[in-house]
């Protein structure tokens, strides 16, 4: 078996409309497809970045909160590659998005920072 690439990342939102707005209007991801699954009382929104499908955003009735602190086992975060982390961080802050301070990645020596979606899911900015 040889993997070709990551197909998509699934995210469950506590407030679907708020998260949909965050990922589309604030982060600029584009809607590929949106479906309401009546049998599950759930929405599924396929989102793309630069034309590449990357995220499935779901809603479910009363999903449990994600553990963050202390860190829990499981997916830690999603990282987005940007040309200028400082500029991207300022743009997110100007839009009212909660962020960490600008840092230097100890592994790469390049700027990085975290920001958070409406459910406090940590998302990273990595400079390329």
Protein backbone atom coordinates (compact mmCIF):
# COMPACT_ATOMS: atom_id res chain seq x y z
CA UNK A 1 0.00 0.00 0.00
CA UNK A 2 1.23 3.48 -0.88
CA UNK A 3 -0.68 6.56 0.27
CA UNK A 4 -0.98 9.32 -2.31
CA UNK A 5 -2.02 12.23 -0.08
CA UNK A 6 -4.39 13.17 2.73
CA UNK A 7 -7.91 13.01 1.29
CA UNK A 8 -9.67 15.18 3.88
CA UNK A 9 -9.90 16.11 7.53
CA UNK A 10 -13.24 15.82 9.36
CA UNK A 11 -14.28 18.40 11.96
CA UNK A 12 -17.40 18.25 14.14
CA UNK A 13 -18.76 21.67 15.11
CA UNK A 14 -20.93 22.48 18.12
CA UNK A 15 -22.48 25.43 16.27
CA UNK A 16 -22.60 24.54 12.57
CA UNK A 17 -23.53 28.00 11.23
CA UNK A 18 -20.87 29.74 13.33
CA UNK A 19 -18.18 27.28 12.20
CA UNK A 20 -19.36 27.41 8.58
CA UNK A 21 -18.97 31.20 8.66
CA UNK A 22 -15.52 30.91 10.29
CA UNK A 23 -14.14 28.44 7.75
CA UNK A 24 -15.67 30.14 4.69
CA UNK A 25 -15.78 33.87 5.48
CA UNK A 26 -12.80 34.24 7.81
CA UNK A 27 -10.43 31.55 6.48
CA UNK A 28 -11.68 31.80 2.88
CA UNK A 29 -12.27 28.11 2.21
CA UNK A 30 -14.78 27.48 -0.56
CA UNK A 31 -17.89 25.32 -0.37
CA UNK A 32 -17.73 22.25 -2.61
CA UNK A 33 -20.94 20.58 -1.41
CA UNK A 34 -23.39 20.91 1.49
CA UNK A 35 -25.82 18.18 2.49
CA UNK A 36 -28.38 17.87 5.28
CA UNK A 37 -28.62 14.24 6.41
CA UNK A 38 -32.10 14.04 7.92
CA UNK A 39 -31.64 10.54 9.38
CA UNK A 40 -28.71 11.86 11.47
CA UNK A 41 -30.02 15.42 12.00
CA UNK A 42 -26.63 16.43 10.68
CA UNK A 43 -25.11 18.74 8.13
CA UNK A 44 -22.01 17.82 6.14
CA UNK A 45 -20.10 20.61 4.41
CA UNK A 46 -17.22 19.85 2.04
CA UNK A 47 -14.66 22.67 1.93
CA UNK A 48 -11.75 23.31 -0.41
CA UNK A 49 -8.56 25.33 -0.24
CA UNK A 50 -7.24 26.59 -3.59
CA UNK A 51 -9.57 24.17 -5.36
CA UNK A 52 -8.43 21.14 -3.35
CA UNK A 53 -11.02 19.44 -1.15
CA UNK A 54 -9.57 19.30 2.38
CA UNK A 55 -12.18 19.57 5.15
CA UNK A 56 -15.53 17.95 5.95
CA UNK A 57 -17.39 20.08 8.49
CA UNK A 58 -20.12 18.21 10.36
CA UNK A 59 -22.88 19.08 12.78
CA UNK A 60 -24.39 16.54 15.15
CA UNK A 61 -26.95 17.05 17.92
CA UNK A 62 -25.15 17.74 21.23
CA UNK A 63 -21.61 16.53 20.44
CA UNK A 64 -19.30 16.27 23.48
CA UNK A 65 -16.73 19.04 23.92
CA UNK A 66 -13.17 18.44 22.72
CA UNK A 67 -10.55 18.05 25.41
CA UNK A 68 -7.70 20.51 24.98
CA UNK A 69 -6.13 21.19 28.33
CA UNK A 70 -4.71 18.91 29.48
CA UNK A 71 -3.89 17.59 26.02
CA UNK A 72 -5.86 14.47 25.11
CA UNK A 73 -4.87 11.61 22.85
CA UNK A 74 -5.88 12.11 19.24
CA UNK A 75 -5.45 14.62 16.45
CA UNK A 76 -3.54 17.61 17.84
CA UNK A 77 -4.06 20.28 15.20
CA UNK A 78 -4.26 21.18 11.52
CA UNK A 79 -1.53 23.38 10.06
CA UNK A 80 -1.97 25.80 7.16
CA UNK A 81 1.09 26.84 5.13
CA UNK A 82 1.39 30.58 4.52
CA UNK A 83 4.05 32.85 3.02
CA UNK A 84 4.05 35.29 5.96
CA UNK A 85 2.90 34.07 9.38
CA UNK A 86 3.07 37.53 10.98
CA UNK A 87 0.81 39.04 8.30
CA UNK A 88 -1.64 36.11 8.43
CA UNK A 89 -1.73 36.30 12.22
CA UNK A 90 -2.51 40.03 12.13
CA UNK A 91 -5.26 39.46 9.56
CA UNK A 92 -6.88 36.82 11.78
CA UNK A 93 -6.57 39.06 14.86
CA UNK A 94 -8.15 41.96 12.92
CA UNK A 95 -11.09 39.63 12.20
CA UNK A 96 -11.49 38.89 15.94
CA UNK A 97 -10.00 35.39 15.85
CA UNK A 98 -8.32 34.18 19.04
CA UNK A 99 -4.58 33.56 18.44
CA UNK A 100 -1.34 32.82 20.23
CA UNK A 101 1.66 35.10 19.92
CA UNK A 102 4.07 34.74 17.01
CA UNK A 103 6.65 32.05 17.80
CA UNK A 104 9.64 30.37 16.15
CA UNK A 105 9.27 26.66 15.43
CA UNK A 106 12.14 24.95 17.24
CA UNK A 107 12.31 22.26 14.56
CA UNK A 108 12.28 24.44 11.42
CA UNK A 109 13.48 27.78 12.78
CA UNK A 110 10.62 29.47 10.92
CA UNK A 111 7.79 31.63 12.29
CA UNK A 112 4.61 29.90 13.42
CA UNK A 113 1.56 30.60 15.54
CA UNK A 114 -1.71 29.01 16.55
CA UNK A 115 -5.26 30.27 16.16
CA UNK A 116 -8.55 28.74 17.20
CA UNK A 117 -11.84 27.94 15.51
CA UNK A 118 -15.19 28.59 17.25
CA UNK A 119 -14.87 25.29 19.18
CA UNK A 120 -11.30 26.09 20.28
CA UNK A 121 -9.84 23.58 17.80
CA UNK A 122 -6.19 24.57 17.51
CA UNK A 123 -5.13 25.50 13.99
CA UNK A 124 -1.55 26.38 13.09
CA UNK A 125 0.04 28.86 10.72
CA UNK A 126 3.37 27.55 9.36
CA UNK A 127 5.65 29.69 7.23
CA UNK A 128 6.85 28.09 4.00
